[in-house]
Full PDB file with SEQRES, HELIX, SHEET, SSBOND, CRYST1, ORIGX, SCALE, CONECT and MASTER records, all heavy atoms in Angstrom:
SEQRES   1 A   39  VAL ARG ALA GLY GLU SER LEU ASP LEU THR CYS ARG LEU          
SEQRES   2 A   39  SER GLY ALA ARG SER PRO PHE ASP GLY ALA GLY TRP TYR          
SEQRES   3 A   39  ARG GLN PRO PRO GLY LYS GLN ARG GLU LEU VAL ALA SER          
SHEET    1 AA1 2 TRP A  25  ARG A  27  0                                        
SHEET    2 AA1 2 GLU A  35  ALA A  38 -1                                        
CRYST1    1.000    1.000    1.000  90.00  90.00  90.00 P 1           1          
ORIGX1      1.000000  0.000000  0.000000        0.00000                         
ORIGX2      0.000000  1.000000  0.000000        0.00000                         
ORIGX3      0.000000  0.000000  1.000000        0.00000                         
SCALE1      1.000000  0.000000  0.000000        0.00000                         
SCALE2      0.000000  1.000000  0.000000        0.00000                         
SCALE3      0.000000  0.000000  1.000000        0.00000                         
ATOM      1  N   VAL A   1     126.168  95.387  95.465  1.00  0.00           N  
ATOM      2  CA  VAL A   1     126.197  94.523  96.644  1.00  0.00           C  
ATOM      3  C   VAL A   1     127.157  93.381  96.396  1.00  0.00           C  
ATOM      4  O   VAL A   1     127.566  93.099  95.279  1.00  0.00           O  
ATOM      5  CB  VAL A   1     124.792  93.950  96.988  1.00  0.00           C  
ATOM      6  CG1 VAL A   1     123.851  95.075  97.311  1.00  0.00           C  
ATOM      7  CG2 VAL A   1     124.267  93.109  95.823  1.00  0.00           C  
ATOM      8  N   ARG A   2     127.506  92.706  97.465  1.00  0.00           N  
ATOM      9  CA  ARG A   2     128.382  91.532  97.380  1.00  0.00           C  
ATOM     10  C   ARG A   2     127.537  90.259  97.314  1.00  0.00           C  
ATOM     11  O   ARG A   2     126.411  90.206  97.780  1.00  0.00           O  
ATOM     12  CB  ARG A   2     129.300  91.480  98.597  1.00  0.00           C  
ATOM     13  CG  ARG A   2     130.235  92.653  98.703  1.00  0.00           C  
ATOM     14  CD  ARG A   2     131.204  92.502  99.878  1.00  0.00           C  
ATOM     15  NE  ARG A   2     132.035  93.684 100.064  1.00  0.00           N  
ATOM     16  CZ  ARG A   2     133.156  93.901  99.390  1.00  0.00           C  
ATOM     17  NH1 ARG A   2     133.580  93.044  98.469  1.00  0.00           N  
ATOM     18  NH2 ARG A   2     133.874  95.009  99.641  1.00  0.00           N  
ATOM     19  N   ALA A   3     128.117  89.245  96.734  1.00  0.00           N  
ATOM     20  CA  ALA A   3     127.421  87.951  96.643  1.00  0.00           C  
ATOM     21  C   ALA A   3     126.984  87.512  98.012  1.00  0.00           C  
ATOM     22  O   ALA A   3     127.758  87.587  98.972  1.00  0.00           O  
ATOM     23  CB  ALA A   3     128.337  86.924  95.978  1.00  0.00           C  
ATOM     24  N   GLY A   4     125.757  87.028  98.107  1.00  0.00           N  
ATOM     25  CA  GLY A   4     125.227  86.560  99.360  1.00  0.00           C  
ATOM     26  C   GLY A   4     124.381  87.588 100.096  1.00  0.00           C  
ATOM     27  O   GLY A   4     123.665  87.247 101.031  1.00  0.00           O  
ATOM     28  N   GLU A   5     124.510  88.822  99.695  1.00  0.00           N  
ATOM     29  CA  GLU A   5     123.749  89.903 100.332  1.00  0.00           C  
ATOM     30  C   GLU A   5     122.338  90.020  99.761  1.00  0.00           C  
ATOM     31  O   GLU A   5     121.987  89.296  98.812  1.00  0.00           O  
ATOM     32  CB  GLU A   5     124.483  91.237 100.196  1.00  0.00           C  
ATOM     33  CG  GLU A   5     125.778  91.263 100.963  1.00  0.00           C  
ATOM     34  CD  GLU A   5     126.492  92.620 100.903  1.00  0.00           C  
ATOM     35  OE1 GLU A   5     126.177  93.412  99.999  1.00  0.00           O  
ATOM     36  OE2 GLU A   5     127.318  92.895 101.783  1.00  0.00           O  
ATOM     37  N   SER A   6     121.555  90.906 100.372  1.00  0.00           N  
ATOM     38  CA  SER A   6     120.173  91.101  99.958  1.00  0.00           C  
ATOM     39  C   SER A   6     119.933  92.503  99.475  1.00  0.00           C  
ATOM     40  O   SER A   6     120.682  93.447  99.806  1.00  0.00           O  
ATOM     41  CB  SER A   6     119.225  90.794 101.130  1.00  0.00           C  
ATOM     42  OG  SER A   6     119.354  89.465 101.563  1.00  0.00           O  
ATOM     43  N   LEU A   7     118.879  92.700  98.692  1.00  0.00           N  
ATOM     44  CA  LEU A   7     118.525  93.986  98.162  1.00  0.00           C  
ATOM     45  C   LEU A   7     117.054  94.007  97.860  1.00  0.00           C  
ATOM     46  O   LEU A   7     116.523  92.994  97.379  1.00  0.00           O  
ATOM     47  CB  LEU A   7     119.341  94.287  96.926  1.00  0.00           C  
ATOM     48  CG  LEU A   7     119.446  95.755  96.424  1.00  0.00           C  
ATOM     49  CD1 LEU A   7     120.144  96.588  97.476  1.00  0.00           C  
ATOM     50  CD2 LEU A   7     120.202  95.789  95.106  1.00  0.00           C  
ATOM     51  N   ASP A   8     116.386  95.140  98.117  1.00  0.00           N  
ATOM     52  CA  ASP A   8     114.969  95.294  97.835  1.00  0.00           C  
ATOM     53  C   ASP A   8     114.736  96.330  96.746  1.00  0.00           C  
ATOM     54  O   ASP A   8     115.287  97.421  96.823  1.00  0.00           O  
ATOM     55  CB  ASP A   8     114.200  95.681  99.086  1.00  0.00           C  
ATOM     56  CG  ASP A   8     114.237  94.634 100.168  1.00  0.00           C  
ATOM     57  OD1 ASP A   8     114.520  93.457  99.839  1.00  0.00           O  
ATOM     58  OD2 ASP A   8     113.999  94.957 101.317  1.00  0.00           O  
ATOM     59  N   LEU A   9     113.912  95.997  95.751  1.00  0.00           N  
ATOM     60  CA  LEU A   9     113.588  96.902  94.700  1.00  0.00           C  
ATOM     61  C   LEU A   9     112.135  97.372  94.831  1.00  0.00           C  
ATOM     62  O   LEU A   9     111.287  96.635  95.311  1.00  0.00           O  
ATOM     63  CB  LEU A   9     113.779  96.259  93.338  1.00  0.00           C  
ATOM     64  CG  LEU A   9     115.162  95.679  93.041  1.00  0.00           C  
ATOM     65  CD1 LEU A   9     115.188  95.123  91.610  1.00  0.00           C  
ATOM     66  CD2 LEU A   9     116.257  96.713  93.241  1.00  0.00           C  
ATOM     67  N   THR A  10     111.866  98.585  94.363  1.00  0.00           N  
ATOM     68  CA  THR A  10     110.530  99.114  94.428  1.00  0.00           C  
ATOM     69  C   THR A  10     110.107  99.641  93.062  1.00  0.00           C  
ATOM     70  O   THR A  10     110.922 100.237  92.352  1.00  0.00           O  
ATOM     71  CB  THR A  10     110.442 100.290  95.434  1.00  0.00           C  
ATOM     72  OG1 THR A  10     110.767  99.797  96.740  1.00  0.00           O  
ATOM     73  CG2 THR A  10     109.026 100.871  95.464  1.00  0.00           C  
ATOM     74  N   CYS A  11     108.888  99.390  92.684  1.00  0.00           N  
ATOM     75  CA  CYS A  11     108.314  99.879  91.443  1.00  0.00           C  
ATOM     76  C   CYS A  11     107.025 100.596  91.745  1.00  0.00           C  
ATOM     77  O   CYS A  11     106.111 100.021  92.315  1.00  0.00           O  
ATOM     78  CB  CYS A  11     108.068  98.719  90.474  1.00  0.00           C  
ATOM     79  SG  CYS A  11     107.166  99.170  88.964  1.00  0.00           S  
ATOM     80  N   ARG A  12     106.953 101.848  91.355  1.00  0.00           N  
ATOM     81  CA  ARG A  12     105.752 102.648  91.578  1.00  0.00           C  
ATOM     82  C   ARG A  12     105.106 102.939  90.222  1.00  0.00           C  
ATOM     83  O   ARG A  12     105.752 103.462  89.322  1.00  0.00           O  
ATOM     84  CB  ARG A  12     106.108 103.917  92.329  1.00  0.00           C  
ATOM     85  CG  ARG A  12     106.555 103.667  93.766  1.00  0.00           C  
ATOM     86  CD  ARG A  12     106.741 104.936  94.541  1.00  0.00           C  
ATOM     87  NE  ARG A  12     106.960 104.663  95.971  1.00  0.00           N  
ATOM     88  CZ  ARG A  12     108.123 104.363  96.500  1.00  0.00           C  
ATOM     89  NH1 ARG A  12     109.214 104.292  95.724  1.00  0.00           N  
ATOM     90  NH2 ARG A  12     108.243 104.114  97.782  1.00  0.00           N  
ATOM     91  N   LEU A  13     103.843 102.616  90.126  1.00  0.00           N  
ATOM     92  CA  LEU A  13     103.078 102.801  88.926  1.00  0.00           C  
ATOM     93  C   LEU A  13     102.004 103.862  89.110  1.00  0.00           C  
ATOM     94  O   LEU A  13     101.437 104.006  90.171  1.00  0.00           O  
ATOM     95  CB  LEU A  13     102.396 101.499  88.487  1.00  0.00           C  
ATOM     96  CG  LEU A  13     103.277 100.262  88.307  1.00  0.00           C  
ATOM     97  CD1 LEU A  13     102.445  99.032  88.044  1.00  0.00           C  
ATOM     98  CD2 LEU A  13     104.278 100.515  87.184  1.00  0.00           C  
ATOM     99  N   SER A  14     101.739 104.619  88.067  1.00  0.00           N  
ATOM    100  CA  SER A  14     100.732 105.641  88.109  1.00  0.00           C  
ATOM    101  C   SER A  14     100.202 105.845  86.694  1.00  0.00           C  
ATOM    102  O   SER A  14     100.791 105.414  85.702  1.00  0.00           O  
ATOM    103  CB  SER A  14     101.241 106.934  88.685  1.00  0.00           C  
ATOM    104  OG  SER A  14     102.292 107.478  87.882  1.00  0.00           O  
ATOM    105  N   GLY A  15      99.064 106.532  86.602  1.00  0.00           N  
ATOM    106  CA  GLY A  15      98.467 106.814  85.304  1.00  0.00           C  
ATOM    107  C   GLY A  15      97.364 105.860  84.945  1.00  0.00           C  
ATOM    108  O   GLY A  15      96.734 105.242  85.812  1.00  0.00           O  
ATOM    109  N   ALA A  16      97.111 105.752  83.645  1.00  0.00           N  
ATOM    110  CA  ALA A  16      96.054 104.925  83.140  1.00  0.00           C  
ATOM    111  C   ALA A  16      96.413 103.445  83.222  1.00  0.00           C  
ATOM    112  O   ALA A  16      97.094 102.896  82.356  1.00  0.00           O  
ATOM    113  CB  ALA A  16      95.710 105.264  81.699  1.00  0.00           C  
ATOM    114  N   ARG A  17      95.999 102.824  84.300  1.00  0.00           N  
ATOM    115  CA  ARG A  17      96.296 101.412  84.529  1.00  0.00           C  
ATOM    116  C   ARG A  17      95.019 100.650  84.785  1.00  0.00           C  
ATOM    117  O   ARG A  17      94.168 101.081  85.592  1.00  0.00           O  
ATOM    118  CB  ARG A  17      97.255 101.318  85.741  1.00  0.00           C  
ATOM    119  CG  ARG A  17      97.580  99.912  86.152  1.00  0.00           C  
ATOM    120  CD  ARG A  17      98.645  99.930  87.231  1.00  0.00           C  
ATOM    121  NE  ARG A  17      98.687  98.694  88.004  1.00  0.00           N  
ATOM    122  CZ  ARG A  17      99.257  97.572  87.615  1.00  0.00           C  
ATOM    123  NH1 ARG A  17      99.845  97.523  86.415  1.00  0.00           N  
ATOM    124  NH2 ARG A  17      99.269  96.526  88.393  1.00  0.00           N  
ATOM    125  N   SER A  18      94.895  99.522  84.139  1.00  0.00           N  
ATOM    126  CA  SER A  18      93.721  98.691  84.296  1.00  0.00           C  
ATOM    127  C   SER A  18      93.694  98.099  85.690  1.00  0.00           C  
ATOM    128  O   SER A  18      94.713  97.599  86.213  1.00  0.00           O  
ATOM    129  CB  SER A  18      93.704  97.548  83.260  1.00  0.00           C  
ATOM    130  OG  SER A  18      92.697  96.620  83.561  1.00  0.00           O  
ATOM    131  N   PRO A  19      92.526  98.091  86.328  1.00  0.00           N  
ATOM    132  CA  PRO A  19      92.423  97.453  87.647  1.00  0.00           C  
ATOM    133  C   PRO A  19      92.596  95.976  87.596  1.00  0.00           C  
ATOM    134  O   PRO A  19      92.724  95.331  88.674  1.00  0.00           O  
ATOM    135  CB  PRO A  19      91.017  97.861  88.092  1.00  0.00           C  
ATOM    136  CG  PRO A  19      90.247  98.039  86.807  1.00  0.00           C  
ATOM    137  CD  PRO A  19      91.224  98.667  85.881  1.00  0.00           C  
ATOM    138  N   PHE A  20      92.638  95.405  86.430  1.00  0.00           N  
ATOM    139  CA  PHE A  20      92.822  93.946  86.284  1.00  0.00           C  
ATOM    140  C   PHE A  20      94.265  93.563  86.041  1.00  0.00           C  
ATOM    141  O   PHE A  20      94.606  92.380  85.927  1.00  0.00           O  
ATOM    142  CB  PHE A  20      91.974  93.418  85.125  1.00  0.00           C  
ATOM    143  CG  PHE A  20      90.496  93.691  85.294  1.00  0.00           C  
ATOM    144  CD1 PHE A  20      89.863  94.713  84.619  1.00  0.00           C  
ATOM    145  CD2 PHE A  20      89.744  92.902  86.157  1.00  0.00           C  
ATOM    146  CE1 PHE A  20      88.496  94.947  84.770  1.00  0.00           C  
ATOM    147  CE2 PHE A  20      88.386  93.123  86.348  1.00  0.00           C  
ATOM    148  CZ  PHE A  20      87.768  94.171  85.651  1.00  0.00           C  
ATOM    149  N   ASP A  21      95.123  94.528  85.945  1.00  0.00           N  
ATOM    150  CA  ASP A  21      96.567  94.269  85.666  1.00  0.00           C  
ATOM    151  C   ASP A  21      97.283  93.720  86.866  1.00  0.00           C  
ATOM    152  O   ASP A  21      97.075  94.141  87.991  1.00  0.00           O  
ATOM    153  CB  ASP A  21      97.261  95.530  85.204  1.00  0.00           C  
ATOM    154  CG  ASP A  21      97.058  95.839  83.746  1.00  0.00           C  
ATOM    155  OD1 ASP A  21      96.418  95.032  83.033  1.00  0.00           O  
ATOM    156  OD2 ASP A  21      97.541  96.874  83.289  1.00  0.00           O  
ATOM    157  N   GLY A  22      98.152  92.790  86.565  1.00  0.00           N  
ATOM    158  CA  GLY A  22      99.131  92.359  87.544  1.00  0.00           C  
ATOM    159  C   GLY A  22     100.405  93.106  87.240  1.00  0.00           C  
ATOM    160  O   GLY A  22     100.382  94.242  86.710  1.00  0.00           O  
ATOM    161  N   ALA A  23     101.531  92.556  87.595  1.00  0.00           N  
ATOM    162  CA  ALA A  23     102.797  93.192  87.293  1.00  0.00           C  
ATOM    163  C   ALA A  23     103.905  92.148  87.242  1.00  0.00           C  
ATOM    164  O   ALA A  23     103.766  91.033  87.762  1.00  0.00           O  
ATOM    165  CB  ALA A  23     103.141  94.232  88.352  1.00  0.00           C  
ATOM    166  N   GLY A  24     104.978  92.546  86.585  1.00  0.00           N  
ATOM    167  CA  GLY A  24     106.107  91.676  86.517  1.00  0.00           C  
ATOM    168  C   GLY A  24     107.425  92.416  86.721  1.00  0.00           C  
ATOM    169  O   GLY A  24     107.516  93.608  86.432  1.00  0.00           O  
ATOM    170  N   TRP A  25     108.393  91.712  87.234  1.00  0.00           N  
ATOM    171  CA  TRP A  25     109.760  92.208  87.294  1.00  0.00           C  
ATOM    172  C   TRP A  25     110.592  91.482  86.266  1.00  0.00           C  
ATOM    173  O   TRP A  25     110.526  90.261  86.140  1.00  0.00           O  
ATOM    174  CB  TRP A  25     110.355  91.975  88.689  1.00  0.00           C  
ATOM    175  CG  TRP A  25     109.983  92.990  89.706  1.00  0.00           C  
ATOM    176  CD1 TRP A  25     109.003  92.876  90.647  1.00  0.00           C  
ATOM    177  CD2 TRP A  25     110.568  94.283  89.893  1.00  0.00           C  
ATOM    178  NE1 TRP A  25     108.949  94.017  91.438  1.00  0.00           N  
ATOM    179  CE2 TRP A  25     109.911  94.876  90.987  1.00  0.00           C  
ATOM    180  CE3 TRP A  25     111.598  94.986  89.264  1.00  0.00           C  
ATOM    181  CZ2 TRP A  25     110.210  96.159  91.462  1.00  0.00           C  
ATOM    182  CZ3 TRP A  25     111.893  96.266  89.723  1.00  0.00           C  
ATOM    183  CH2 TRP A  25     111.209  96.852  90.803  1.00  0.00           C  
ATOM    184  N   TYR A  26     111.360  92.234  85.524  1.00  0.00           N  
ATOM    185  CA  TYR A  26     112.203  91.732  84.468  1.00  0.00           C  
ATOM    186  C   TYR A  26     113.618  92.172  84.682  1.00  0.00           C  
ATOM    187  O   TYR A  26     113.873  93.143  85.409  1.00  0.00           O  
ATOM    188  CB  TYR A  26     111.726  92.213  83.087  1.00  0.00           C  
ATOM    189  CG  TYR A  26     110.278  91.862  82.761  1.00  0.00           C  
ATOM    190  CD1 TYR A  26     109.239  92.615  83.356  1.00  0.00           C  
ATOM    191  CD2 TYR A  26     109.960  90.892  81.886  1.00  0.00           C  
ATOM    192  CE1 TYR A  26     107.920  92.311  83.080  1.00  0.00           C  
ATOM    193  CE2 TYR A  26     108.643  90.579  81.587  1.00  0.00           C  
ATOM    194  CZ  TYR A  26     107.625  91.305  82.198  1.00  0.00           C  
ATOM    195  OH  TYR A  26     106.320  91.031  81.890  1.00  0.00           O  
ATOM    196  N   ARG A  27     114.539  91.503  84.035  1.00  0.00           N  
ATOM    197  CA  ARG A  27     115.949  91.957  84.121  1.00  0.00           C  
ATOM    198  C   ARG A  27     116.638  91.686  82.803  1.00  0.00           C  
ATOM    199  O   ARG A  27     116.274  90.801  82.033  1.00  0.00           O  
ATOM    200  CB  ARG A  27     116.656  91.276  85.251  1.00  0.00           C  
ATOM    201  CG  ARG A  27     116.927  89.771  85.081  1.00  0.00           C  
ATOM    202  CD  ARG A  27     117.577  89.186  86.327  1.00  0.00           C  
ATOM    203  NE  ARG A  27     117.849  87.764  86.191  1.00  0.00           N  
ATOM    204  CZ  ARG A  27     118.292  86.982  87.168  1.00  0.00           C  
ATOM    205  NH1 ARG A  27     118.477  87.503  88.387  1.00  0.00           N  
ATOM    206  NH2 ARG A  27     118.524  85.705  86.932  1.00  0.00           N  
ATOM    207  N   GLN A  28     117.645  92.486  82.558  1.00  0.00           N  
ATOM    208  CA  GLN A  28     118.452  92.329  81.338  1.00  0.00           C  
ATOM    209  C   GLN A  28     119.917  92.363  81.688  1.00  0.00           C  
ATOM    210  O   GLN A  28     120.465  93.442  81.962  1.00  0.00           O  
ATOM    211  CB  GLN A  28     118.130  93.439  80.336  1.00  0.00           C  
ATOM    212  CG  GLN A  28     118.811  93.276  78.990  1.00  0.00           C  
ATOM    213  CD  GLN A  28     118.284  94.203  77.934  1.00  0.00           C  
ATOM    214  OE1 GLN A  28     117.694  95.273  78.257  1.00  0.00           O  
ATOM    215  NE2 GLN A  28     118.459  93.868  76.699  1.00  0.00           N  
ATOM    216  N   PRO A  29     120.555  91.208  81.738  1.00  0.00           N  
ATOM    217  CA  PRO A  29     121.976  91.156  82.031  1.00  0.00           C  
ATOM    218  C   PRO A  29     122.773  91.759  80.869  1.00  0.00           C  
ATOM    219  O   PRO A  29     122.245  91.847  79.729  1.00  0.00           O  
ATOM    220  CB  PRO A  29     122.257  89.652  82.153  1.00  0.00           C  
ATOM    221  CG  PRO A  29     120.934  89.028  82.400  1.00  0.00           C  
ATOM    222  CD  PRO A  29     119.965  89.870  81.656  1.00  0.00           C  
ATOM    223  N   PRO A  30     123.972  92.139  81.092  1.00  0.00           N  
ATOM    224  CA  PRO A  30     124.822  92.733  80.017  1.00  0.00           C  
ATOM    225  C   PRO A  30     124.910  91.769  78.843  1.00  0.00           C  
ATOM    226  O   PRO A  30     125.271  90.606  78.986  1.00  0.00           O  
ATOM    227  CB  PRO A  30     126.169  92.942  80.692  1.00  0.00           C  
ATOM    228  CG  PRO A  30     125.838  93.106  82.133  1.00  0.00           C  
ATOM    229  CD  PRO A  30     124.711  92.156  82.388  1.00  0.00           C  
ATOM    230  N   GLY A  31     124.624  92.276  77.646  1.00  0.00           N  
ATOM    231  CA  GLY A  31     124.749  91.476  76.444  1.00  0.00           C  
ATOM    232  C   GLY A  31     123.697  90.401  76.248  1.00  0.00           C  
ATOM    233  O   GLY A  31     123.809  89.592  75.331  1.00  0.00           O  
ATOM    234  N   LYS A  32     122.677  90.394  77.076  1.00  0.00           N  
ATOM    235  CA  LYS A  32     121.640  89.380  76.971  1.00  0.00           C  
ATOM    236  C   LYS A  32     120.246  89.982  76.818  1.00  0.00           C  
ATOM    237  O   LYS A  32     120.072  91.185  76.934  1.00  0.00           O  
ATOM    238  CB  LYS A  32     121.661  88.444  78.206  1.00  0.00           C  
ATOM    239  CG  LYS A  32     122.963  87.686  78.343  1.00  0.00           C  
ATOM    240  CD  LYS A  32     122.913  86.731  79.526  1.00  0.00           C  
ATOM    241  CE  LYS A  32     124.160  85.938  79.676  1.00  0.00           C  
ATOM    242  NZ  LYS A  32     124.101  84.995  80.810  1.00  0.00           N  
ATOM    243  N   GLN A  33     119.275  89.144  76.568  1.00  0.00           N  
ATOM    244  CA  GLN A  33     117.916  89.598  76.371  1.00  0.00           C  
ATOM    245  C   GLN A  33     117.217  89.841  77.717  1.00  0.00           C  
ATOM    246  O   GLN A  33     117.579  89.249  78.730  1.00  0.00           O  
ATOM    247  CB  GLN A  33     117.112  88.560  75.559  1.00  0.00           C  
ATOM    248  CG  GLN A  33     117.668  88.298  74.157  1.00  0.00           C  
ATOM    249  CD  GLN A  33     117.611  89.519  73.277  1.00  0.00           C  
ATOM    250  OE1 GLN A  33     116.592  90.206  73.224  1.00  0.00           O  
ATOM    251  NE2 GLN A  33     118.696  89.782  72.586  1.00  0.00           N  
ATOM    252  N   ARG A  34     116.234  90.666  77.692  1.00  0.00           N  
ATOM    253  CA  ARG A  34     115.405  90.890  78.867  1.00  0.00           C  
ATOM    254  C   ARG A  34     114.638  89.632  79.192  1.00  0.00           C  
ATOM    255  O   ARG A  34     114.117  88.960  78.289  1.00  0.00           O  
ATOM    256  CB  ARG A  34     114.476  92.066  78.634  1.00  0.00           C  
ATOM    257  CG  ARG A  34     113.593  92.431  79.831  1.00  0.00           C  
ATOM    258  CD  ARG A  34     112.601  93.536  79.475  1.00  0.00           C  
ATOM    259  NE  ARG A  34     113.259  94.871  79.461  1.00  0.00           N  
ATOM    260  CZ  ARG A  34     113.458  95.568  78.354  1.00  0.00           C  
ATOM    261  NH1 ARG A  34     113.070  95.121  77.177  1.00  0.00           N  
ATOM    262  NH2 ARG A  34     114.052  96.763  78.454  1.00  0.00           N  
ATOM    263  N   GLU A  35     114.540  89.320  80.433  1.00  0.00           N  
ATOM    264  CA  GLU A  35     113.835  88.104  80.871  1.00  0.00           C  
ATOM    265  C   GLU A  35     112.943  88.391  82.060  1.00  0.00           C  
ATOM    266  O   GLU A  35     113.229  89.232  82.898  1.00  0.00           O  
ATOM    267  CB  GLU A  35     114.849  87.011  81.224  1.00  0.00           C  
ATOM    268  CG  GLU A  35     115.765  87.362  82.392  1.00  0.00           C  
ATOM    269  CD  GLU A  35     116.790  86.304  82.710  1.00  0.00           C  
ATOM    270  OE1 GLU A  35     116.733  85.222  82.082  1.00  0.00           O  
ATOM    271  OE2 GLU A  35     117.613  86.525  83.604  1.00  0.00           O  
ATOM    272  N   LEU A  36     111.863  87.645  82.114  1.00  0.00           N  
ATOM    273  CA  LEU A  36     110.916  87.762  83.230  1.00  0.00           C  
ATOM    274  C   LEU A  36     111.491  86.953  84.413  1.00  0.00           C  
ATOM    275  O   LEU A  36     111.823  85.805  84.246  1.00  0.00           O  
ATOM    276  CB  LEU A  36     109.560  87.258  82.832  1.00  0.00           C  
ATOM    277  CG  LEU A  36     108.488  87.203  83.892  1.00  0.00           C  
ATOM    278  CD1 LEU A  36     108.096  88.603  84.360  1.00  0.00           C  
ATOM    279  CD2 LEU A  36     107.248  86.467  83.386  1.00  0.00           C  
ATOM    280  N   VAL A  37     111.549  87.592  85.551  1.00  0.00           N  
ATOM    281  CA  VAL A  37     112.060  86.876  86.742  1.00  0.00           C  
ATOM    282  C   VAL A  37     110.964  86.615  87.778  1.00  0.00           C  
ATOM    283  O   VAL A  37     111.088  85.658  88.541  1.00  0.00           O  
ATOM    284  CB  VAL A  37     113.234  87.644  87.374  1.00  0.00           C  
ATOM    285  CG1 VAL A  37     114.384  87.710  86.423  1.00  0.00           C  
ATOM    286  CG2 VAL A  37     112.806  89.053  87.848  1.00  0.00           C  
ATOM    287  N   ALA A  38     109.949  87.475  87.818  1.00  0.00           N  
ATOM    288  CA  ALA A  38     108.874  87.283  88.801  1.00  0.00           C  
ATOM    289  C   ALA A  38     107.636  88.020  88.370  1.00  0.00           C  
ATOM    290  O   ALA A  38     107.717  89.090  87.725  1.00  0.00           O  
ATOM    291  CB  ALA A  38     109.304  87.782  90.173  1.00  0.00           C  
ATOM    292  N   SER A  39     106.481  87.470  88.637  1.00  0.00           N  
ATOM    293  CA  SER A  39     105.218  88.119  88.310  1.00  0.00           C  
ATOM    294  C   SER A  39     104.199  87.901  89.398  1.00  0.00           C  
ATOM    295  O   SER A  39     104.305  86.919  90.182  1.00  0.00           O  
ATOM    296  CB  SER A  39     104.674  87.627  86.979  1.00  0.00           C  
ATOM    297  OG  SER A  39     104.367  86.245  87.026  1.00  0.00           O  
TER     298      SER A  39                                                      
MASTER        0    0    0    0    2    0    0    6  297    1    0    3          
END                                                                             
């Protein structure tokens, strides 16, 4: 996308998952460490 535009991401989970779990979105820029962006 171009700067200023929007984009939607989807995460689908399945399997053995605790009903008490939340979730987080992380990202890893090129050459950098993975970081938490939203939870």
